[in-house]
Amino acid sequence: MGGVKLKRWDSAEHLKTEEDIALYFEACLEEAGDDAAFIAKSLGIIARARGMTQLAKDTGLGRESLYKALSGEGNPSFATILKVTKALGLRLHGGPAHA
């Protein structure tokens, strides 16, 4: 019997349109709760879908430092998160918390 080859899932490969990206980011914001690393990692996935080199140019931050900060294991400053979201054409927005 032949073995089954599995490929590691990479969400970045499935973010093809601006709508895909916006919906993905909105879902991540809703799912994250108070997990800042989850948000940072979701931005990293979006950045890889768009191109990390271009993001580095647009933010003025180093490509390697962006990879680290947006890995989910880094600890980016809020200023970095704001620069990244702006460069990616995304917005953080508030609304009432659901009880």
C-alpha atoms as a PDB file:
ATOM      1  CA  MET A   1       0.000   0.000   0.000  1.00  0.00           C
ATOM      2  CA  GLY A   2       1.383   3.422  -0.976  1.00  0.00           C
ATOM      3  CA  GLY A   3       2.040   6.014   1.660  1.00  0.00           C
ATOM      4  CA  VAL A   4       0.105   9.225   1.795  1.00  0.00           C
ATOM      5  CA  LYS A   5       2.187  12.366   1.414  1.00  0.00           C
ATOM      6  CA  LEU A   6       0.936  15.287   3.397  1.00  0.00           C
ATOM      7  CA  LYS A   7       1.933  18.857   2.812  1.00  0.00           C
ATOM      8  CA  ARG A   8       2.248  21.307   5.692  1.00  0.00           C
ATOM      9  CA  TRP A   9      -0.652  23.787   5.587  1.00  0.00           C
ATOM     10  CA  ASP A  10       0.411  27.337   4.797  1.00  0.00           C
ATOM     11  CA  SER A  11      -2.379  29.896   5.018  1.00  0.00           C
ATOM     12  CA  ALA A  12      -0.288  32.401   3.049  1.00  0.00           C
ATOM     13  CA  GLU A  13      -0.705  30.263  -0.067  1.00  0.00           C
ATOM     14  CA  HIS A  14      -4.481  30.759   0.097  1.00  0.00           C
ATOM     15  CA  LEU A  15      -4.580  34.534   0.563  1.00  0.00           C
ATOM     16  CA  LYS A  16      -4.915  35.528  -3.081  1.00  0.00           C
ATOM     17  CA  THR A  17      -7.132  38.626  -3.030  1.00  0.00           C
ATOM     18  CA  GLU A  18      -7.551  41.748  -0.921  1.00  0.00           C
ATOM     19  CA  GLU A  19     -10.895  40.358   0.231  1.00  0.00           C
ATOM     20  CA  ASP A  20      -9.271  37.052   1.269  1.00  0.00           C
ATOM     21  CA  ILE A  21      -6.713  38.983   3.295  1.00  0.00           C
ATOM     22  CA  ALA A  22      -9.251  41.287   4.945  1.00  0.00           C
ATOM     23  CA  LEU A  23     -11.553  38.399   5.886  1.00  0.00           C
ATOM     24  CA  TYR A  24      -8.639  36.342   7.205  1.00  0.00           C
ATOM     25  CA  PHE A  25      -7.371  39.227   9.343  1.00  0.00           C
ATOM     26  CA  GLU A  26     -10.868  39.960  10.689  1.00  0.00           C
ATOM     27  CA  ALA A  27     -11.299  36.286  11.625  1.00  0.00           C
ATOM     28  CA  CYS A  28      -7.904  36.289  13.353  1.00  0.00           C
ATOM     29  CA  LEU A  29      -8.779  39.416  15.334  1.00  0.00           C
ATOM     30  CA  GLU A  30     -12.010  37.777  16.498  1.00  0.00           C
ATOM     31  CA  GLU A  31     -10.318  34.475  17.333  1.00  0.00           C
ATOM     32  CA  ALA A  32      -7.253  35.898  19.097  1.00  0.00           C
ATOM     33  CA  GLY A  33      -8.901  37.138  22.271  1.00  0.00           C
ATOM     34  CA  ASP A  34      -6.034  38.587  24.298  1.00  0.00           C
ATOM     35  CA  ASP A  35      -3.328  36.611  22.464  1.00  0.00           C
ATOM     36  CA  ALA A  36      -1.104  39.305  20.939  1.00  0.00           C
ATOM     37  CA  ALA A  37       1.247  36.682  19.464  1.00  0.00           C
ATOM     38  CA  PHE A  38      -1.664  35.252  17.480  1.00  0.00           C
ATOM     39  CA  ILE A  39      -2.300  38.670  15.899  1.00  0.00           C
ATOM     40  CA  ALA A  40       1.402  39.180  15.166  1.00  0.00           C
ATOM     41  CA  LYS A  41       1.607  35.760  13.533  1.00  0.00           C
ATOM     42  CA  SER A  42      -1.492  36.420  11.428  1.00  0.00           C
ATOM     43  CA  LEU A  43       0.135  39.627  10.178  1.00  0.00           C
ATOM     44  CA  GLY A  44       3.255  37.584   9.378  1.00  0.00           C
ATOM     45  CA  ILE A  45       1.189  35.187   7.296  1.00  0.00           C
ATOM     46  CA  ILE A  46      -0.401  38.083   5.422  1.00  0.00           C
ATOM     47  CA  ALA A  47       3.042  39.650   4.942  1.00  0.00           C
ATOM     48  CA  ARG A  48       4.382  36.422   3.431  1.00  0.00           C
ATOM     49  CA  ALA A  49       1.379  36.272   1.090  1.00  0.00           C
ATOM     50  CA  ARG A  50       2.101  39.829  -0.058  1.00  0.00           C
ATOM     51  CA  GLY A  51       5.889  39.703   0.027  1.00  0.00           C
ATOM     52  CA  MET A  52       8.059  40.368   3.053  1.00  0.00           C
ATOM     53  CA  THR A  53      10.667  42.304   1.056  1.00  0.00           C
ATOM     54  CA  GLN A  54       8.078  44.833  -0.089  1.00  0.00           C
ATOM     55  CA  LEU A  55       6.717  45.129   3.446  1.00  0.00           C
ATOM     56  CA  ALA A  56      10.224  45.866   4.724  1.00  0.00           C
ATOM     57  CA  LYS A  57      10.544  48.665   2.164  1.00  0.00           C
ATOM     58  CA  ASP A  58       7.090  50.060   2.964  1.00  0.00           C
ATOM     59  CA  THR A  59       7.636  50.078   6.734  1.00  0.00           C
ATOM     60  CA  GLY A  60      11.318  51.009   6.813  1.00  0.00           C
ATOM     61  CA  LEU A  61      11.954  47.959   9.010  1.00  0.00           C
ATOM     62  CA  GLY A  62      14.437  45.174   8.298  1.00  0.00           C
ATOM     63  CA  ARG A  63      13.130  42.063   6.579  1.00  0.00           C
ATOM     64  CA  GLU A  64      14.722  39.703   9.092  1.00  0.00           C
ATOM     65  CA  SER A  65      13.428  41.727  12.039  1.00  0.00           C
ATOM     66  CA  LEU A  66       9.938  41.590  10.502  1.00  0.00           C
ATOM     67  CA  TYR A  67      10.154  37.817  10.143  1.00  0.00           C
ATOM     68  CA  LYS A  68      11.099  37.553  13.813  1.00  0.00           C
ATOM     69  CA  ALA A  69       8.559  40.092  15.074  1.00  0.00           C
ATOM     70  CA  LEU A  70       5.708  38.534  13.074  1.00  0.00           C
ATOM     71  CA  SER A  71       6.587  34.907  13.759  1.00  0.00           C
ATOM     72  CA  GLY A  72       4.276  34.563  16.743  1.00  0.00           C
ATOM     73  CA  GLU A  73       7.335  34.097  18.945  1.00  0.00           C
ATOM     74  CA  GLY A  74       8.617  37.663  18.684  1.00  0.00           C
ATOM     75  CA  ASN A  75       7.360  40.533  20.771  1.00  0.00           C
ATOM     76  CA  PRO A  76       6.754  43.427  18.366  1.00  0.00           C
ATOM     77  CA  SER A  77       5.994  46.874  19.699  1.00  0.00           C
ATOM     78  CA  PHE A  78       2.552  48.304  19.095  1.00  0.00           C
ATOM     79  CA  ALA A  79       4.219  50.871  16.825  1.00  0.00           C
ATOM     80  CA  THR A  80       5.527  48.007  14.660  1.00  0.00           C
ATOM     81  CA  ILE A  81       2.057  46.439  14.505  1.00  0.00           C
ATOM     82  CA  LEU A  82       0.585  49.780  13.421  1.00  0.00           C
ATOM     83  CA  LYS A  83       3.263  50.278  10.736  1.00  0.00           C
ATOM     84  CA  VAL A  84       2.705  46.766   9.415  1.00  0.00           C
ATOM     85  CA  THR A  85      -1.089  46.994   9.329  1.00  0.00           C
ATOM     86  CA  LYS A  86      -0.899  50.344   7.542  1.00  0.00           C
ATOM     87  CA  ALA A  87       1.644  49.065   5.003  1.00  0.00           C
ATOM     88  CA  LEU A  88      -0.533  46.009   4.358  1.00  0.00           C
ATOM     89  CA  GLY A  89      -3.577  48.211   3.803  1.00  0.00           C
ATOM     90  CA  LEU A  90      -5.367  46.853   6.862  1.00  0.00           C
ATOM     91  CA  ARG A  91      -7.052  48.585   9.788  1.00  0.00           C
ATOM     92  CA  LEU A  92      -7.444  47.644  13.395  1.00  0.00           C
ATOM     93  CA  HIS A  93     -10.879  48.707  14.521  1.00  0.00           C
ATOM     94  CA  GLY A  94     -12.867  48.668  17.685  1.00  0.00           C
ATOM     95  CA  GLY A  95     -16.324  47.547  18.522  1.00  0.00           C
ATOM     96  CA  PRO A  96     -18.249  46.483  21.571  1.00  0.00           C
ATOM     97  CA  ALA A  97     -16.976  43.353  23.290  1.00  0.00           C
ATOM     98  CA  HIS A  98     -19.405  40.460  23.183  1.00  0.00           C
ATOM     99  CA  ALA A  99     -20.410  39.139  26.583  1.00  0.00           C
END
